[in-house]
C-alpha atoms as a PDB file:
ATOM      1  CA  UNK A   1     105.920  97.078 107.570  1.00  0.00           C
ATOM      2  CA  UNK A   2     106.665 100.638 108.635  1.00  0.00           C
ATOM      3  CA  UNK A   3     103.859 101.072 111.162  1.00  0.00           C
ATOM      4  CA  UNK A   4     102.692  98.540 113.673  1.00  0.00           C
ATOM      5  CA  UNK A   5      98.977  99.035 113.177  1.00  0.00           C
ATOM      6  CA  UNK A   6      97.353  97.740 110.012  1.00  0.00           C
ATOM      7  CA  UNK A   7      94.482  99.228 108.009  1.00  0.00           C
ATOM      8  CA  UNK A   8      92.617  96.825 105.730  1.00  0.00           C
ATOM      9  CA  UNK A   9      90.396  98.560 103.175  1.00  0.00           C
ATOM     10  CA  UNK A  10      87.361  97.034 101.480  1.00  0.00           C
ATOM     11  CA  UNK A  11      89.313  96.418  98.254  1.00  0.00           C
ATOM     12  CA  UNK A  12      92.089  94.539 100.055  1.00  0.00           C
ATOM     13  CA  UNK A  13      94.481  97.477 100.156  1.00  0.00           C
ATOM     14  CA  UNK A  14      96.744  97.349 103.206  1.00  0.00           C
ATOM     15  CA  UNK A  15      98.327 100.342 104.933  1.00  0.00           C
ATOM     16  CA  UNK A  16     100.680 100.274 107.890  1.00  0.00           C
ATOM     17  CA  UNK A  17     100.375 103.186 110.298  1.00  0.00           C
ATOM     18  CA  UNK A  18     101.619 104.125 113.744  1.00  0.00           C
ATOM     19  CA  UNK A  19      99.182 105.048 116.484  1.00  0.00           C
ATOM     20  CA  UNK A  20     100.448 108.143 118.264  1.00  0.00           C
ATOM     21  CA  UNK A  21     100.426 108.375 122.042  1.00  0.00           C
ATOM     22  CA  UNK A  22      98.314 111.518 121.820  1.00  0.00           C
ATOM     23  CA  UNK A  23      95.365 112.121 119.490  1.00  0.00           C
ATOM     24  CA  UNK A  24      95.059 108.380 118.878  1.00  0.00           C
ATOM     25  CA  UNK A  25      91.317 108.681 118.299  1.00  0.00           C
ATOM     26  CA  UNK A  26      91.834 111.357 115.647  1.00  0.00           C
ATOM     27  CA  UNK A  27      94.245 109.031 113.850  1.00  0.00           C
ATOM     28  CA  UNK A  28      91.637 106.254 113.953  1.00  0.00           C
ATOM     29  CA  UNK A  29      88.954 108.552 112.527  1.00  0.00           C
ATOM     30  CA  UNK A  30      91.279 109.575 109.703  1.00  0.00           C
ATOM     31  CA  UNK A  31      92.429 106.030 108.909  1.00  0.00           C
ATOM     32  CA  UNK A  32      88.874 104.674 108.939  1.00  0.00           C
ATOM     33  CA  UNK A  33      87.309 107.726 107.232  1.00  0.00           C
ATOM     34  CA  UNK A  34      84.601 108.087 109.850  1.00  0.00           C
ATOM     35  CA  UNK A  35      83.331 110.097 112.817  1.00  0.00           C
ATOM     36  CA  UNK A  36      82.395 107.257 115.176  1.00  0.00           C
ATOM     37  CA  UNK A  37      84.345 104.080 115.882  1.00  0.00           C
ATOM     38  CA  UNK A  38      83.598 100.757 117.469  1.00  0.00           C
ATOM     39  CA  UNK A  39      85.880  97.903 118.423  1.00  0.00           C
ATOM     40  CA  UNK A  40      85.757  94.140 118.039  1.00  0.00           C
ATOM     41  CA  UNK A  41      88.101  92.481 120.499  1.00  0.00           C
ATOM     42  CA  UNK A  42      89.459  89.596 118.436  1.00  0.00           C
ATOM     43  CA  UNK A  43      91.721  88.389 121.264  1.00  0.00           C
ATOM     44  CA  UNK A  44      92.850  89.799 124.585  1.00  0.00           C
ATOM     45  CA  UNK A  45      95.776  91.398 122.699  1.00  0.00           C
ATOM     46  CA  UNK A  46      94.271  92.188 119.257  1.00  0.00           C
ATOM     47  CA  UNK A  47      91.567  94.743 118.486  1.00  0.00           C
ATOM     48  CA  UNK A  48      89.802  95.442 115.197  1.00  0.00           C
ATOM     49  CA  UNK A  49      88.449  99.010 115.014  1.00  0.00           C
ATOM     50  CA  UNK A  50      85.821 100.018 112.471  1.00  0.00           C
ATOM     51  CA  UNK A  51      83.336 102.716 111.528  1.00  0.00           C
ATOM     52  CA  UNK A  52      80.397 102.432 113.937  1.00  0.00           C
ATOM     53  CA  UNK A  53      78.096 103.534 111.108  1.00  0.00           C
ATOM     54  CA  UNK A  54      79.950 101.551 108.450  1.00  0.00           C
ATOM     55  CA  UNK A  55      76.858  99.689 107.288  1.00  0.00           C
ATOM     56  CA  UNK A  56      75.518 103.056 106.093  1.00  0.00           C
ATOM     57  CA  UNK A  57      78.765 104.567 104.842  1.00  0.00           C
ATOM     58  CA  UNK A  58      80.860 101.768 103.294  1.00  0.00           C
ATOM     59  CA  UNK A  59      80.601  98.478 101.414  1.00  0.00           C
ATOM     60  CA  UNK A  60      81.209  95.140 103.104  1.00  0.00           C
ATOM     61  CA  UNK A  61      84.839  94.463 103.879  1.00  0.00           C
ATOM     62  CA  UNK A  62      85.167  90.766 102.965  1.00  0.00           C
ATOM     63  CA  UNK A  63      88.728  90.622 104.321  1.00  0.00           C
ATOM     64  CA  UNK A  64      87.812  91.995 107.748  1.00  0.00           C
ATOM     65  CA  UNK A  65      84.728  89.794 107.824  1.00  0.00           C
ATOM     66  CA  UNK A  66      86.799  86.670 107.120  1.00  0.00           C
ATOM     67  CA  UNK A  67      89.421  87.700 109.673  1.00  0.00           C
ATOM     68  CA  UNK A  68      86.740  88.140 112.343  1.00  0.00           C
ATOM     69  CA  UNK A  69      85.294  84.739 111.452  1.00  0.00           C
ATOM     70  CA  UNK A  70      88.684  83.153 112.110  1.00  0.00           C
ATOM     71  CA  UNK A  71      88.318  84.406 115.687  1.00  0.00           C
ATOM     72  CA  UNK A  72      84.743  83.144 116.115  1.00  0.00           C
ATOM     73  CA  UNK A  73      82.779  86.239 115.039  1.00  0.00           C
ATOM     74  CA  UNK A  74      80.603  84.445 112.473  1.00  0.00           C
ATOM     75  CA  UNK A  75      77.257  86.192 112.789  1.00  0.00           C
ATOM     76  CA  UNK A  76      77.715  89.426 110.840  1.00  0.00           C
ATOM     77  CA  UNK A  77      79.598  91.177 108.084  1.00  0.00           C
ATOM     78  CA  UNK A  78      81.904  94.124 108.764  1.00  0.00           C
ATOM     79  CA  UNK A  79      81.794  97.291 106.671  1.00  0.00           C
ATOM     80  CA  UNK A  80      84.422  99.781 105.618  1.00  0.00           C
ATOM     81  CA  UNK A  81      88.110  99.873 106.373  1.00  0.00           C
ATOM     82  CA  UNK A  82      89.278  98.343 109.652  1.00  0.00           C
ATOM     83  CA  UNK A  83      92.274  99.014 111.855  1.00  0.00           C
ATOM     84  CA  UNK A  84      94.108  96.163 113.572  1.00  0.00           C
ATOM     85  CA  UNK A  85      96.113  97.072 116.652  1.00  0.00           C
ATOM     86  CA  UNK A  86      97.213  95.699 119.972  1.00  0.00           C
ATOM     87  CA  UNK A  87      95.599  96.453 123.300  1.00  0.00           C
ATOM     88  CA  UNK A  88      97.204  96.934 126.690  1.00  0.00           C
ATOM     89  CA  UNK A  89      96.036  95.300 129.911  1.00  0.00           C
ATOM     90  CA  UNK A  90      94.408  98.669 130.718  1.00  0.00           C
ATOM     91  CA  UNK A  91      92.402  98.563 127.476  1.00  0.00           C
ATOM     92  CA  UNK A  92      94.398 101.180 125.556  1.00  0.00           C
ATOM     93  CA  UNK A  93      94.833 100.662 121.820  1.00  0.00           C
ATOM     94  CA  UNK A  94      98.488 100.701 120.823  1.00  0.00           C
ATOM     95  CA  UNK A  95     100.719  99.604 117.971  1.00  0.00           C
ATOM     96  CA  UNK A  96     101.249  95.879 117.700  1.00  0.00           C
ATOM     97  CA  UNK A  97     104.618  94.415 118.523  1.00  0.00           C
ATOM     98  CA  UNK A  98     106.680  93.362 115.524  1.00  0.00           C
ATOM     99  CA  UNK A  99     105.744  89.717 116.160  1.00  0.00           C
ATOM    100  CA  UNK A 100     102.041  90.560 116.462  1.00  0.00           C
ATOM    101  CA  UNK A 101     102.194  92.617 113.277  1.00  0.00           C
ATOM    102  CA  UNK A 102     103.879  89.773 111.379  1.00  0.00           C
ATOM    103  CA  UNK A 103     101.279  87.279 112.599  1.00  0.00           C
ATOM    104  CA  UNK A 104      98.405  89.609 111.657  1.00  0.00           C
ATOM    105  CA  UNK A 105      99.934  90.295 108.258  1.00  0.00           C
ATOM    106  CA  UNK A 106     100.353  86.558 107.641  1.00  0.00           C
ATOM    107  CA  UNK A 107      96.672  85.923 108.391  1.00  0.00           C
ATOM    108  CA  UNK A 108      95.562  88.851 106.259  1.00  0.00           C
ATOM    109  CA  UNK A 109      97.785  87.697 103.368  1.00  0.00           C
ATOM    110  CA  UNK A 110      96.182  84.225 103.559  1.00  0.00           C
ATOM    111  CA  UNK A 111      92.727  85.816 103.436  1.00  0.00           C
ATOM    112  CA  UNK A 112      93.641  88.117 100.547  1.00  0.00           C
ATOM    113  CA  UNK A 113      94.966  85.151  98.582  1.00  0.00           C
ATOM    114  CA  UNK A 114      91.938  82.986  99.384  1.00  0.00           C
ATOM    115  CA  UNK A 115      89.481  85.706  98.373  1.00  0.00           C
ATOM    116  CA  UNK A 116      91.416  86.487  95.228  1.00  0.00           C
ATOM    117  CA  UNK A 117      93.392  89.614  96.053  1.00  0.00           C
ATOM    118  CA  UNK A 118      97.174  89.719  96.147  1.00  0.00           C
ATOM    119  CA  UNK A 119      98.797  91.209  99.277  1.00  0.00           C
END
């Protein structure tokens, strides 16, 4: 994995990116193909960013939806590509550590396999 943030697209495609220290929001907009973002805090160290208007702009992302369900977010589907990254104690989104990235990738691979997509 080259980058330490992970983009999961609606078709199961994975892309590793790095979040820059400056213009981080612009990178998120580009990676998620949107103009407005929202965050789901999966844990105190793992964020899932998505298009705030994804329900209108993208199909359901079954992989992101299943990932969120594993963390207790069972009441809605998530739409469009999502970006997984770490979060600092100050609330800043940053690249995951190598260990965090491996753990996230392992969970995503399990979901891709279970849903019928190969990682």
